[in-house]
Amino acid sequence: MASTRISSEGQVLIPKAIRDALGIQPGTVLNAEAKDGAVVLRPVAKETRLPTKEEIDAIAGRFDRGPPYPTKEEEEAAIAEMFRRKWKK
């Protein structure tokens, strides 16, 4: 039997051997219940597992393809050209 300790924030470290045996990974959602004086944690089906930060960052990176934004110098040149055209008339 493995032992663990609860932190002052109520967090519990699940020993690695148990995590490995149950396939619990970072981001795995656990259902918690009190049963017969014990705390029972059960992994929720993998389909409902919350994505990890790394998975979210990997997905978000795929969509971060905004238009190439002009540099400050390009913006200033475009504004100057606009005024030259306007006042040239």
PDB file of N, CA and C in Angstrom:
ATOM      1  N   MET A   1       0.846  -1.175   0.000  1.00  0.00           N
ATOM      2  CA  MET A   1       0.000   0.000   0.000  1.00  0.00           C
ATOM      3  C   MET A   1       0.890   1.236   0.000  1.00  0.00           C
ATOM      4  N   ALA A   2       0.578   2.176  -0.882  1.00  0.00           N
ATOM      5  CA  ALA A   2       1.349   3.416  -0.973  1.00  0.00           C
ATOM      6  C   ALA A   2       0.720   4.465  -0.066  1.00  0.00           C
ATOM      7  N   SER A   3       1.561   5.324   0.502  1.00  0.00           N
ATOM      8  CA  SER A   3       1.077   6.403   1.365  1.00  0.00           C
ATOM      9  C   SER A   3       1.315   7.729   0.686  1.00  0.00           C
ATOM     10  N   THR A   4       0.490   8.702   1.027  1.00  0.00           N
ATOM     11  CA  THR A   4       0.646  10.059   0.523  1.00  0.00           C
ATOM     12  C   THR A   4       0.159  11.014   1.583  1.00  0.00           C
ATOM     13  N   ARG A   5       0.382  12.297   1.394  1.00  0.00           N
ATOM     14  CA  ARG A   5       0.005  13.296   2.382  1.00  0.00           C
ATOM     15  C   ARG A   5      -0.794  14.389   1.689  1.00  0.00           C
ATOM     16  N   ILE A   6      -1.764  14.953   2.384  1.00  0.00           N
ATOM     17  CA  ILE A   6      -2.565  16.036   1.825  1.00  0.00           C
ATOM     18  C   ILE A   6      -1.898  17.364   2.169  1.00  0.00           C
ATOM     19  N   SER A   7      -1.844  18.270   1.179  1.00  0.00           N
ATOM     20  CA  SER A   7      -1.212  19.572   1.403  1.00  0.00           C
ATOM     21  C   SER A   7      -2.184  20.506   2.103  1.00  0.00           C
ATOM     22  N   SER A   8      -1.670  21.672   2.522  1.00  0.00           N
ATOM     23  CA  SER A   8      -2.532  22.658   3.184  1.00  0.00           C
ATOM     24  C   SER A   8      -3.589  23.201   2.225  1.00  0.00           C
ATOM     25  N   GLU A   9      -3.361  23.064   0.904  1.00  0.00           N
ATOM     26  CA  GLU A   9      -4.345  23.498  -0.097  1.00  0.00           C
ATOM     27  C   GLU A   9      -5.326  22.386  -0.452  1.00  0.00           C
ATOM     28  N   GLY A  10      -5.206  21.233   0.185  1.00  0.00           N
ATOM     29  CA  GLY A  10      -6.109  20.126  -0.091  1.00  0.00           C
ATOM     30  C   GLY A  10      -5.661  19.253  -1.249  1.00  0.00           C
ATOM     31  N   GLN A  11      -4.447  19.441  -1.705  1.00  0.00           N
ATOM     32  CA  GLN A  11      -3.938  18.653  -2.825  1.00  0.00           C
ATOM     33  C   GLN A  11      -3.336  17.342  -2.332  1.00  0.00           C
ATOM     34  N   VAL A  12      -3.497  16.316  -3.169  1.00  0.00           N
ATOM     35  CA  VAL A  12      -2.971  14.998  -2.837  1.00  0.00           C
ATOM     36  C   VAL A  12      -2.110  14.522  -3.989  1.00  0.00           C
ATOM     37  N   LEU A  13      -0.934  14.026  -3.691  1.00  0.00           N
ATOM     38  CA  LEU A  13      -0.057  13.456  -4.705  1.00  0.00           C
ATOM     39  C   LEU A  13      -0.389  11.975  -4.829  1.00  0.00           C
ATOM     40  N   ILE A  14      -0.768  11.566  -6.033  1.00  0.00           N
ATOM     41  CA  ILE A  14      -1.042  10.143  -6.260  1.00  0.00           C
ATOM     42  C   ILE A  14       0.282   9.492  -6.647  1.00  0.00           C
ATOM     43  N   PRO A  15       0.716   8.461  -5.923  1.00  0.00           N
ATOM     44  CA  PRO A  15       2.003   7.835  -6.208  1.00  0.00           C
ATOM     45  C   PRO A  15       2.102   7.376  -7.671  1.00  0.00           C
ATOM     46  N   LYS A  16       3.317   7.467  -8.224  1.00  0.00           N
ATOM     47  CA  LYS A  16       3.563   7.155  -9.631  1.00  0.00           C
ATOM     48  C   LYS A  16       3.118   5.754 -10.004  1.00  0.00           C
ATOM     49  N   ALA A  17       3.364   4.780  -9.166  1.00  0.00           N
ATOM     50  CA  ALA A  17       2.973   3.400  -9.489  1.00  0.00           C
ATOM     51  C   ALA A  17       1.462   3.300  -9.711  1.00  0.00           C
ATOM     52  N   ILE A  18       0.691   4.006  -8.911  1.00  0.00           N
ATOM     53  CA  ILE A  18      -0.770   3.981  -9.051  1.00  0.00           C
ATOM     54  C   ILE A  18      -1.190   4.739 -10.309  1.00  0.00           C
ATOM     55  N   ARG A  19      -0.566   5.919 -10.554  1.00  0.00           N
ATOM     56  CA  ARG A  19      -0.884   6.682 -11.777  1.00  0.00           C
ATOM     57  C   ARG A  19      -0.590   5.844 -13.018  1.00  0.00           C
ATOM     58  N   ASP A  20       0.555   5.186 -13.018  1.00  0.00           N
ATOM     59  CA  ASP A  20       0.921   4.352 -14.169  1.00  0.00           C
ATOM     60  C   ASP A  20      -0.048   3.187 -14.349  1.00  0.00           C
ATOM     61  N   ALA A  21      -0.417   2.545 -13.240  1.00  0.00           N
ATOM     62  CA  ALA A  21      -1.313   1.387 -13.315  1.00  0.00           C
ATOM     63  C   ALA A  21      -2.688   1.768 -13.853  1.00  0.00           C
ATOM     64  N   LEU A  22      -3.149   2.996 -13.548  1.00  0.00           N
ATOM     65  CA  LEU A  22      -4.479   3.436 -13.972  1.00  0.00           C
ATOM     66  C   LEU A  22      -4.458   4.323 -15.212  1.00  0.00           C
ATOM     67  N   GLY A  23      -3.257   4.620 -15.712  1.00  0.00           N
ATOM     68  CA  GLY A  23      -3.150   5.473 -16.893  1.00  0.00           C
ATOM     69  C   GLY A  23      -3.513   6.926 -16.618  1.00  0.00           C
ATOM     70  N   ILE A  24      -3.285   7.370 -15.393  1.00  0.00           N
ATOM     71  CA  ILE A  24      -3.594   8.755 -15.023  1.00  0.00           C
ATOM     72  C   ILE A  24      -2.424   9.630 -15.450  1.00  0.00           C
ATOM     73  N   GLN A  25      -2.744  10.664 -16.255  1.00  0.00           N
ATOM     74  CA  GLN A  25      -1.733  11.597 -16.762  1.00  0.00           C
ATOM     75  C   GLN A  25      -2.127  13.006 -16.361  1.00  0.00           C
ATOM     76  N   PRO A  26      -1.201  13.973 -16.508  1.00  0.00           N
ATOM     77  CA  PRO A  26      -1.592  15.359 -16.241  1.00  0.00           C
ATOM     78  C   PRO A  26      -2.797  15.730 -17.103  1.00  0.00           C
ATOM     79  N   GLY A  27      -3.780  16.349 -16.498  1.00  0.00           N
ATOM     80  CA  GLY A  27      -4.997  16.713 -17.209  1.00  0.00           C
ATOM     81  C   GLY A  27      -6.122  15.705 -17.076  1.00  0.00           C
ATOM     82  N   THR A  28      -5.830  14.520 -16.527  1.00  0.00           N
ATOM     83  CA  THR A  28      -6.868  13.513 -16.337  1.00  0.00           C
ATOM     84  C   THR A  28      -7.866  14.017 -15.306  1.00  0.00           C
ATOM     85  N   VAL A  29      -9.140  13.908 -15.617  1.00  0.00           N
ATOM     86  CA  VAL A  29     -10.190  14.322 -14.683  1.00  0.00           C
ATOM     87  C   VAL A  29     -10.531  13.130 -13.795  1.00  0.00           C
ATOM     88  N   LEU A  30     -10.623  13.374 -12.497  1.00  0.00           N
ATOM     89  CA  LEU A  30     -10.976  12.327 -11.542  1.00  0.00           C
ATOM     90  C   LEU A  30     -12.296  12.681 -10.868  1.00  0.00           C
ATOM     91  N   ASN A  31     -13.166  11.719 -10.745  1.00  0.00           N
ATOM     92  CA  ASN A  31     -14.367  11.879  -9.932  1.00  0.00           C
ATOM     93  C   ASN A  31     -13.998  11.481  -8.511  1.00  0.00           C
ATOM     94  N   ALA A  32     -14.425  12.285  -7.541  1.00  0.00           N
ATOM     95  CA  ALA A  32     -14.118  12.012  -6.140  1.00  0.00           C
ATOM     96  C   ALA A  32     -15.413  11.789  -5.382  1.00  0.00           C
ATOM     97  N   GLU A  33     -15.402  10.784  -4.490  1.00  0.00           N
ATOM     98  CA  GLU A  33     -16.571  10.545  -3.643  1.00  0.00           C
ATOM     99  C   GLU A  33     -16.117   9.977  -2.309  1.00  0.00           C
ATOM    100  N   ALA A  34     -16.928  10.219  -1.291  1.00  0.00           N
ATOM    101  CA  ALA A  34     -16.692   9.635   0.027  1.00  0.00           C
ATOM    102  C   ALA A  34     -17.518   8.363   0.110  1.00  0.00           C
ATOM    103  N   LYS A  35     -16.854   7.264   0.443  1.00  0.00           N
ATOM    104  CA  LYS A  35     -17.559   5.978   0.493  1.00  0.00           C
ATOM    105  C   LYS A  35     -17.016   5.152   1.659  1.00  0.00           C
ATOM    106  N   ASP A  36     -17.903   4.808   2.581  1.00  0.00           N
ATOM    107  CA  ASP A  36     -17.545   3.980   3.740  1.00  0.00           C
ATOM    108  C   ASP A  36     -16.328   4.527   4.485  1.00  0.00           C
ATOM    109  N   GLY A  37     -16.293   5.865   4.698  1.00  0.00           N
ATOM    110  CA  GLY A  37     -15.203   6.480   5.444  1.00  0.00           C
ATOM    111  C   GLY A  37     -13.915   6.627   4.654  1.00  0.00           C
ATOM    112  N   ALA A  38     -13.961   6.420   3.351  1.00  0.00           N
ATOM    113  CA  ALA A  38     -12.761   6.540   2.519  1.00  0.00           C
ATOM    114  C   ALA A  38     -13.027   7.523   1.380  1.00  0.00           C
ATOM    115  N   VAL A  39     -11.967   8.070   0.834  1.00  0.00           N
ATOM    116  CA  VAL A  39     -12.064   8.922  -0.353  1.00  0.00           C
ATOM    117  C   VAL A  39     -11.756   8.029  -1.548  1.00  0.00           C
ATOM    118  N   VAL A  40     -12.678   8.002  -2.498  1.00  0.00           N
ATOM    119  CA  VAL A  40     -12.497   7.172  -3.685  1.00  0.00           C
ATOM    120  C   VAL A  40     -12.356   8.096  -4.899  1.00  0.00           C
ATOM    121  N   LEU A  41     -11.264   7.950  -5.624  1.00  0.00           N
ATOM    122  CA  LEU A  41     -11.016   8.720  -6.841  1.00  0.00           C
ATOM    123  C   LEU A  41     -11.093   7.769  -8.025  1.00  0.00           C
ATOM    124  N   ARG A  42     -11.881   8.144  -9.027  1.00  0.00           N
ATOM    125  CA  ARG A  42     -12.008   7.319 -10.230  1.00  0.00           C
ATOM    126  C   ARG A  42     -11.749   8.179 -11.449  1.00  0.00           C
ATOM    127  N   PRO A  43     -10.850   7.726 -12.346  1.00  0.00           N
ATOM    128  CA  PRO A  43     -10.625   8.489 -13.573  1.00  0.00           C
ATOM    129  C   PRO A  43     -11.894   8.509 -14.423  1.00  0.00           C
ATOM    130  N   VAL A  44     -12.189   9.672 -14.998  1.00  0.00           N
ATOM    131  CA  VAL A  44     -13.295   9.802 -15.935  1.00  0.00           C
ATOM    132  C   VAL A  44     -12.791   9.262 -17.263  1.00  0.00           C
ATOM    133  N   ALA A  45     -13.710   8.812 -18.105  1.00  0.00           N
ATOM    134  CA  ALA A  45     -13.316   8.260 -19.403  1.00  0.00           C
ATOM    135  C   ALA A  45     -12.367   9.214 -20.118  1.00  0.00           C
ATOM    136  N   LYS A  46     -11.393   8.668 -20.852  1.00  0.00           N
ATOM    137  CA  LYS A  46     -10.385   9.478 -21.518  1.00  0.00           C
ATOM    138  C   LYS A  46     -10.992  10.485 -22.479  1.00  0.00           C
ATOM    139  N   GLU A  47     -12.150  10.185 -23.043  1.00  0.00           N
ATOM    140  CA  GLU A  47     -12.772  11.112 -23.989  1.00  0.00           C
ATOM    141  C   GLU A  47     -13.126  12.431 -23.324  1.00  0.00           C
ATOM    142  N   THR A  48     -13.349  12.428 -21.999  1.00  0.00           N
ATOM    143  CA  THR A  48     -13.726  13.656 -21.311  1.00  0.00           C
ATOM    144  C   THR A  48     -12.553  14.270 -20.555  1.00  0.00           C
ATOM    145  N   ARG A  49     -11.351  13.760 -20.779  1.00  0.00           N
ATOM    146  CA  ARG A  49     -10.165  14.288 -20.115  1.00  0.00           C
ATOM    147  C   ARG A  49      -9.908  15.712 -20.591  1.00  0.00           C
ATOM    148  N   LEU A  50      -9.590  16.603 -19.661  1.00  0.00           N
ATOM    149  CA  LEU A  50      -9.259  17.972 -20.017  1.00  0.00           C
ATOM    150  C   LEU A  50      -7.891  17.993 -20.687  1.00  0.00           C
ATOM    151  N   PRO A  51      -7.722  18.818 -21.703  1.00  0.00           N
ATOM    152  CA  PRO A  51      -6.416  18.867 -22.366  1.00  0.00           C
ATOM    153  C   PRO A  51      -5.373  19.506 -21.464  1.00  0.00           C
ATOM    154  N   THR A  52      -4.122  19.076 -21.631  1.00  0.00           N
ATOM    155  CA  THR A  52      -3.030  19.664 -20.863  1.00  0.00           C
ATOM    156  C   THR A  52      -2.668  21.013 -21.475  1.00  0.00           C
ATOM    157  N   LYS A  53      -1.901  21.809 -20.747  1.00  0.00           N
ATOM    158  CA  LYS A  53      -1.466  23.117 -21.257  1.00  0.00           C
ATOM    159  C   LYS A  53      -0.674  22.933 -22.547  1.00  0.00           C
ATOM    160  N   GLU A  54       0.157  21.904 -22.602  1.00  0.00           N
ATOM    161  CA  GLU A  54       0.960  21.659 -23.795  1.00  0.00           C
ATOM    162  C   GLU A  54       0.071  21.346 -24.997  1.00  0.00           C
ATOM    163  N   GLU A  55      -0.991  20.568 -24.775  1.00  0.00           N
ATOM    164  CA  GLU A  55      -1.909  20.244 -25.870  1.00  0.00           C
ATOM    165  C   GLU A  55      -2.650  21.493 -26.345  1.00  0.00           C
ATOM    166  N   ILE A  56      -3.056  22.338 -25.418  1.00  0.00           N
ATOM    167  CA  ILE A  56      -3.749  23.580 -25.789  1.00  0.00           C
ATOM    168  C   ILE A  56      -2.812  24.488 -26.571  1.00  0.00           C
ATOM    169  N   ASP A  57      -1.564  24.629 -26.096  1.00  0.00           N
ATOM    170  CA  ASP A  57      -0.597  25.479 -26.797  1.00  0.00           C
ATOM    171  C   ASP A  57      -0.327  24.959 -28.205  1.00  0.00           C
ATOM    172  N   ALA A  58      -0.252  23.630 -28.357  1.00  0.00           N
ATOM    173  CA  ALA A  58       0.000  23.052 -29.675  1.00  0.00           C
ATOM    174  C   ALA A  58      -1.156  23.331 -30.626  1.00  0.00           C
ATOM    175  N   ILE A  59      -2.376  23.237 -30.122  1.00  0.00           N
ATOM    176  CA  ILE A  59      -3.548  23.493 -30.967  1.00  0.00           C
ATOM    177  C   ILE A  59      -3.659  24.980 -31.272  1.00  0.00           C
ATOM    178  N   ALA A  60      -3.471  25.833 -30.266  1.00  0.00           N
ATOM    179  CA  ALA A  60      -3.598  27.278 -30.464  1.00  0.00           C
ATOM    180  C   ALA A  60      -2.578  27.778 -31.463  1.00  0.00           C
ATOM    181  N   GLY A  61      -1.390  27.196 -31.473  1.00  0.00           N
ATOM    182  CA  GLY A  61      -0.348  27.608 -32.416  1.00  0.00           C
ATOM    183  C   GLY A  61      -0.744  27.400 -33.861  1.00  0.00           C
ATOM    184  N   ARG A  62      -1.615  26.446 -34.116  1.00  0.00           N
ATOM    185  CA  ARG A  62      -2.050  26.174 -35.483  1.00  0.00           C
ATOM    186  C   ARG A  62      -2.942  27.281 -36.031  1.00  0.00           C
ATOM    187  N   PHE A  63      -3.620  28.000 -35.152  1.00  0.00           N
ATOM    188  CA  PHE A  63      -4.575  29.002 -35.586  1.00  0.00           C
ATOM    189  C   PHE A  63      -4.016  30.417 -35.497  1.00  0.00           C
ATOM    190  N   ASP A  64      -2.815  30.567 -34.987  1.00  0.00           N
ATOM    191  CA  ASP A  64      -2.233  31.889 -34.821  1.00  0.00           C
ATOM    192  C   ASP A  64      -1.507  32.285 -36.104  1.00  0.00           C
ATOM    193  N   ARG A  65      -2.264  32.430 -37.168  1.00  0.00           N
ATOM    194  CA  ARG A  65      -1.681  32.782 -38.456  1.00  0.00           C
ATOM    195  C   ARG A  65      -2.330  34.056 -38.995  1.00  0.00           C
ATOM    196  N   GLY A  66      -2.303  35.087 -38.161  1.00  0.00           N
ATOM    197  CA  GLY A  66      -2.880  36.358 -38.569  1.00  0.00           C
ATOM    198  C   GLY A  66      -2.099  36.963 -39.712  1.00  0.00           C
ATOM    199  N   PRO A  67      -2.617  38.031 -40.292  1.00  0.00           N
ATOM    200  CA  PRO A  67      -1.912  38.662 -41.404  1.00  0.00           C
ATOM    201  C   PRO A  67      -0.584  39.225 -40.932  1.00  0.00           C
ATOM    202  N   PRO A  68       0.376  39.332 -41.822  1.00  0.00           N
ATOM    203  CA  PRO A  68       1.647  39.943 -41.398  1.00  0.00           C
ATOM    204  C   PRO A  68       1.405  41.423 -41.116  1.00  0.00           C
ATOM    205  N   TYR A  69       1.627  41.816 -39.917  1.00  0.00           N
ATOM    206  CA  TYR A  69       1.372  43.187 -39.517  1.00  0.00           C
ATOM    207  C   TYR A  69       2.546  44.070 -39.935  1.00  0.00           C
ATOM    208  N   PRO A  70       2.246  45.310 -40.364  1.00  0.00           N
ATOM    209  CA  PRO A  70       3.330  46.197 -40.791  1.00  0.00           C
ATOM    210  C   PRO A  70       4.179  46.632 -39.605  1.00  0.00           C
ATOM    211  N   THR A  71       5.422  46.929 -39.899  1.00  0.00           N
ATOM    212  CA  THR A  71       6.304  47.460 -38.860  1.00  0.00           C
ATOM    213  C   THR A  71       5.929  48.917 -38.626  1.00  0.00           C
ATOM    214  N   LYS A  72       6.473  49.489 -37.579  1.00  0.00           N
ATOM    215  CA  LYS A  72       6.199  50.893 -37.282  1.00  0.00           C
ATOM    216  C   LYS A  72       6.674  51.776 -38.439  1.00  0.00           C
ATOM    217  N   GLU A  73       7.821  51.432 -38.992  1.00  0.00           N
ATOM    218  CA  GLU A  73       8.369  52.216 -40.105  1.00  0.00           C
ATOM    219  C   GLU A  73       7.446  52.140 -41.318  1.00  0.00           C
ATOM    220  N   GLU A  74       6.895  50.962 -41.607  1.00  0.00           N
ATOM    221  CA  GLU A  74       5.978  50.801 -42.735  1.00  0.00           C
ATOM    222  C   GLU A  74       4.689  51.604 -42.516  1.00  0.00           C
ATOM    223  N   GLU A  75       4.194  51.586 -41.276  1.00  0.00           N
ATOM    224  CA  GLU A  75       2.999  52.377 -40.969  1.00  0.00           C
ATOM    225  C   GLU A  75       3.256  53.863 -41.184  1.00  0.00           C
ATOM    226  N   GLU A  76       4.379  54.352 -40.667  1.00  0.00           N
ATOM    227  CA  GLU A  76       4.706  55.768 -40.811  1.00  0.00           C
ATOM    228  C   GLU A  76       4.880  56.154 -42.275  1.00  0.00           C
ATOM    229  N   ALA A  77       5.495  55.282 -43.067  1.00  0.00           N
ATOM    230  CA  ALA A  77       5.679  55.556 -44.498  1.00  0.00           C
ATOM    231  C   ALA A  77       4.326  55.607 -45.200  1.00  0.00           C
ATOM    232  N   ALA A  78       3.405  54.715 -44.840  1.00  0.00           N
ATOM    233  CA  ALA A  78       2.079  54.708 -45.463  1.00  0.00           C
ATOM    234  C   ALA A  78       1.306  55.975 -45.099  1.00  0.00           C
ATOM    235  N   ILE A  79       1.417  56.426 -43.868  1.00  0.00           N
ATOM    236  CA  ILE A  79       0.738  57.653 -43.432  1.00  0.00           C
ATOM    237  C   ILE A  79       1.328  58.859 -44.160  1.00  0.00           C
ATOM    238  N   ALA A  80       2.658  58.903 -44.248  1.00  0.00           N
ATOM    239  CA  ALA A  80       3.315  60.015 -44.953  1.00  0.00           C
ATOM    240  C   ALA A  80       2.875  60.047 -46.410  1.00  0.00           C
ATOM    241  N   GLU A  81       2.807  58.886 -47.055  1.00  0.00           N
ATOM    242  CA  GLU A  81       2.365  58.810 -48.455  1.00  0.00           C
ATOM    243  C   GLU A  81       0.920  59.280 -48.589  1.00  0.00           C
ATOM    244  N   MET A  82       0.074  58.918 -47.641  1.00  0.00           N
ATOM    245  CA  MET A  82      -1.326  59.344 -47.669  1.00  0.00           C
ATOM    246  C   MET A  82      -1.413  60.878 -47.620  1.00  0.00           C
ATOM    247  N   PHE A  83      -0.625  61.509 -46.739  1.00  0.00           N
ATOM    248  CA  PHE A  83      -0.649  62.967 -46.635  1.00  0.00           C
ATOM    249  C   PHE A  83      -0.053  63.624 -47.879  1.00  0.00           C
ATOM    250  N   ARG A  84       1.001  63.021 -48.439  1.00  0.00           N
ATOM    251  CA  ARG A  84       1.581  63.580 -49.667  1.00  0.00           C
ATOM    252  C   ARG A  84       0.543  63.599 -50.782  1.00  0.00           C
ATOM    253  N   ARG A  85      -0.185  62.496 -50.925  1.00  0.00           N
ATOM    254  CA  ARG A  85      -1.221  62.419 -51.973  1.00  0.00           C
ATOM    255  C   ARG A  85      -2.341  63.432 -51.711  1.00  0.00           C
ATOM    256  N   LYS A  86      -2.751  63.531 -50.456  1.00  0.00           N
ATOM    257  CA  LYS A  86      -3.867  64.421 -50.121  1.00  0.00           C
ATOM    258  C   LYS A  86      -3.505  65.880 -50.373  1.00  0.00           C
ATOM    259  N   TRP A  87      -2.325  66.291 -49.969  1.00  0.00           N
ATOM    260  CA  TRP A  87      -1.959  67.707 -50.052  1.00  0.00           C
ATOM    261  C   TRP A  87      -1.327  68.074 -51.390  1.00  0.00           C
ATOM    262  N   LYS A  88      -1.050  67.080 -52.233  1.00  0.00           N
ATOM    263  CA  LYS A  88      -0.472  67.352 -53.550  1.00  0.00           C
ATOM    264  C   LYS A  88      -1.515  67.946 -54.483  1.00  0.00           C
ATOM    265  N   LYS A  89      -2.778  67.652 -54.250  1.00  0.00           N
ATOM    266  CA  LYS A  89      -3.862  68.124 -55.129  1.00  0.00           C
ATOM    267  C   LYS A  89      -4.036  69.613 -55.079  1.00  0.00           C
TER     268      LYS A  89
END
